[in-house]
Amino acid sequence: MTWSVHLPFVAAAITLLAGISVSTQLGKLDIERRASEERSAVVNELAATRAQLEGIIRSQR
């Protein structure tokens, strides 16, 4: 058989693999973004708690 017979299958396989790769990378980026958002939320909560505690400590001096 000639190369031209296999070309559509090779092109389809390359396209499929590229799609899977892109999808996997986008999934990883989404997971990283969510983790970053959660870290930011926790840092904000801790900052608020710290400010409250500092206020309590200063008011008792």
N, C-alpha and C. Protein backbone atom coordinates (compact mmCIF):
# COMPACT_ATOMS: atom_id res chain seq x y z
N MET A 1 0.84 -1.19 0.00
CA MET A 1 0.00 0.00 0.00
C MET A 1 0.88 1.24 0.00
N THR A 2 0.31 2.29 -0.46
CA THR A 2 1.07 3.53 -0.53
C THR A 2 0.81 4.38 0.71
N TRP A 3 1.64 5.36 0.87
CA TRP A 3 1.55 6.28 2.01
C TRP A 3 0.22 7.03 1.99
N SER A 4 -0.30 7.36 0.83
CA SER A 4 -1.53 8.14 0.73
C SER A 4 -2.73 7.40 1.30
N VAL A 5 -2.69 6.10 1.34
CA VAL A 5 -3.78 5.31 1.91
C VAL A 5 -3.80 5.47 3.43
N HIS A 6 -2.63 5.54 4.04
CA HIS A 6 -2.52 5.63 5.50
C HIS A 6 -2.61 7.07 6.00
N LEU A 7 -2.44 8.02 5.14
CA LEU A 7 -2.40 9.43 5.55
C LEU A 7 -3.62 9.87 6.34
N PRO A 8 -4.84 9.56 5.95
CA PRO A 8 -6.00 10.00 6.75
C PRO A 8 -6.00 9.42 8.16
N PHE A 9 -5.55 8.18 8.30
CA PHE A 9 -5.52 7.56 9.63
C PHE A 9 -4.43 8.19 10.49
N VAL A 10 -3.29 8.49 9.89
CA VAL A 10 -2.21 9.14 10.62
C VAL A 10 -2.64 10.55 11.04
N ALA A 11 -3.28 11.27 10.14
CA ALA A 11 -3.75 12.62 10.46
C ALA A 11 -4.80 12.57 11.57
N ALA A 12 -5.69 11.61 11.52
CA ALA A 12 -6.71 11.47 12.56
C ALA A 12 -6.07 11.15 13.91
N ALA A 13 -5.09 10.26 13.91
CA ALA A 13 -4.41 9.89 15.16
C ALA A 13 -3.67 11.09 15.74
N ILE A 14 -2.99 11.85 14.90
CA ILE A 14 -2.27 13.04 15.38
C ILE A 14 -3.25 14.06 15.94
N THR A 15 -4.36 14.26 15.26
CA THR A 15 -5.37 15.20 15.73
C THR A 15 -5.95 14.75 17.07
N LEU A 16 -6.22 13.47 17.20
CA LEU A 16 -6.75 12.93 18.45
C LEU A 16 -5.76 13.12 19.58
N LEU A 17 -4.51 12.79 19.35
CA LEU A 17 -3.48 12.95 20.39
C LEU A 17 -3.29 14.41 20.77
N ALA A 18 -3.32 15.29 19.79
CA ALA A 18 -3.18 16.73 20.09
C ALA A 18 -4.36 17.21 20.92
N GLY A 19 -5.57 16.75 20.58
CA GLY A 19 -6.75 17.13 21.35
C GLY A 19 -6.70 16.64 22.78
N ILE A 20 -6.26 15.41 22.96
CA ILE A 20 -6.13 14.86 24.31
C ILE A 20 -5.09 15.65 25.11
N SER A 21 -3.99 15.97 24.47
CA SER A 21 -2.92 16.73 25.13
C SER A 21 -3.41 18.11 25.56
N VAL A 22 -4.08 18.80 24.66
CA VAL A 22 -4.59 20.14 24.98
C VAL A 22 -5.61 20.06 26.11
N SER A 23 -6.49 19.10 26.04
CA SER A 23 -7.51 18.93 27.08
C SER A 23 -6.88 18.66 28.44
N THR A 24 -5.86 17.81 28.47
CA THR A 24 -5.17 17.51 29.72
C THR A 24 -4.50 18.75 30.30
N GLN A 25 -3.83 19.51 29.45
CA GLN A 25 -3.16 20.72 29.92
C GLN A 25 -4.15 21.74 30.44
N LEU A 26 -5.28 21.91 29.76
CA LEU A 26 -6.30 22.85 30.23
C LEU A 26 -6.88 22.38 31.56
N GLY A 27 -7.04 21.10 31.74
CA GLY A 27 -7.51 20.57 33.02
C GLY A 27 -6.54 20.86 34.15
N LYS A 28 -5.26 20.69 33.88
CA LYS A 28 -4.25 20.99 34.89
C LYS A 28 -4.24 22.47 35.25
N LEU A 29 -4.36 23.33 34.23
CA LEU A 29 -4.40 24.77 34.49
C LEU A 29 -5.61 25.15 35.33
N ASP A 30 -6.75 24.52 35.07
CA ASP A 30 -7.95 24.80 35.84
C ASP A 30 -7.78 24.38 37.30
N ILE A 31 -7.17 23.23 37.51
CA ILE A 31 -6.92 22.76 38.88
C ILE A 31 -5.99 23.72 39.61
N GLU A 32 -4.94 24.18 38.94
CA GLU A 32 -4.01 25.13 39.55
C GLU A 32 -4.70 26.45 39.87
N ARG A 33 -5.57 26.91 38.97
CA ARG A 33 -6.29 28.17 39.20
C ARG A 33 -7.20 28.05 40.41
N ARG A 34 -7.92 26.94 40.52
CA ARG A 34 -8.81 26.74 41.66
C ARG A 34 -8.04 26.68 42.97
N ALA A 35 -6.91 26.00 42.96
CA ALA A 35 -6.09 25.90 44.17
C ALA A 35 -5.59 27.29 44.56
N SER A 36 -5.19 28.09 43.58
CA SER A 36 -4.73 29.44 43.85
C SER A 36 -5.84 30.30 44.44
N GLU A 37 -7.03 30.16 43.91
CA GLU A 37 -8.17 30.92 44.44
C GLU A 37 -8.47 30.51 45.89
N GLU A 38 -8.38 29.22 46.16
CA GLU A 38 -8.63 28.74 47.52
C GLU A 38 -7.56 29.25 48.48
N ARG A 39 -6.30 29.25 48.04
CA ARG A 39 -5.22 29.79 48.88
C ARG A 39 -5.46 31.26 49.17
N SER A 40 -5.86 32.01 48.17
CA SER A 40 -6.13 33.44 48.36
C SER A 40 -7.26 33.65 49.35
N ALA A 41 -8.30 32.84 49.25
CA ALA A 41 -9.42 32.97 50.19
C ALA A 41 -8.97 32.68 51.62
N VAL A 42 -8.15 31.67 51.80
CA VAL A 42 -7.66 31.34 53.13
C VAL A 42 -6.77 32.46 53.67
N VAL A 43 -5.91 33.00 52.84
CA VAL A 43 -5.04 34.10 53.27
C VAL A 43 -5.88 35.30 53.68
N ASN A 44 -6.93 35.59 52.93
CA ASN A 44 -7.81 36.71 53.28
C ASN A 44 -8.51 36.47 54.61
N GLU A 45 -8.98 35.26 54.84
CA GLU A 45 -9.62 34.93 56.11
C GLU A 45 -8.63 35.06 57.27
N LEU A 46 -7.42 34.58 57.06
CA LEU A 46 -6.41 34.69 58.11
C LEU A 46 -6.05 36.13 58.40
N ALA A 47 -5.99 36.96 57.38
CA ALA A 47 -5.68 38.37 57.58
C ALA A 47 -6.78 39.04 58.40
N ALA A 48 -8.03 38.70 58.11
CA ALA A 48 -9.14 39.27 58.88
C ALA A 48 -9.10 38.81 60.33
N THR A 49 -8.82 37.53 60.53
CA THR A 49 -8.72 36.99 61.89
C THR A 49 -7.57 37.64 62.64
N ARG A 50 -6.46 37.83 61.97
CA ARG A 50 -5.31 38.48 62.60
C ARG A 50 -5.66 39.90 63.01
N ALA A 51 -6.34 40.63 62.14
CA ALA A 51 -6.72 42.00 62.46
C ALA A 51 -7.64 42.03 63.67
N GLN A 52 -8.57 41.09 63.74
CA GLN A 52 -9.47 41.03 64.90
C GLN A 52 -8.70 40.73 66.18
N LEU A 53 -7.79 39.79 66.11
CA LEU A 53 -7.00 39.44 67.30
C LEU A 53 -6.11 40.59 67.73
N GLU A 54 -5.51 41.26 66.78
CA GLU A 54 -4.68 42.42 67.14
C GLU A 54 -5.52 43.50 67.79
N GLY A 55 -6.74 43.69 67.29
CA GLY A 55 -7.63 44.68 67.89
C GLY A 55 -7.99 44.31 69.32
N ILE A 56 -8.26 43.03 69.55
CA ILE A 56 -8.59 42.58 70.91
C ILE A 56 -7.39 42.77 71.83
N ILE A 57 -6.21 42.41 71.37
CA ILE A 57 -5.01 42.53 72.20
C ILE A 57 -4.73 44.00 72.51
N ARG A 58 -4.84 44.85 71.53
CA ARG A 58 -4.58 46.30 71.76
C ARG A 58 -5.60 46.90 72.69
N SER A 59 -6.84 46.45 72.64
CA SER A 59 -7.88 47.02 73.48
C SER A 59 -7.70 46.61 74.96
N GLN A 60 -6.97 45.55 75.21
CA GLN A 60 -6.77 45.07 76.57
C GLN A 60 -5.50 45.63 77.20
N ARG A 61 -4.77 46.43 76.49
CA ARG A 61 -3.53 47.01 77.05
C ARG A 61 -3.83 48.20 77.91
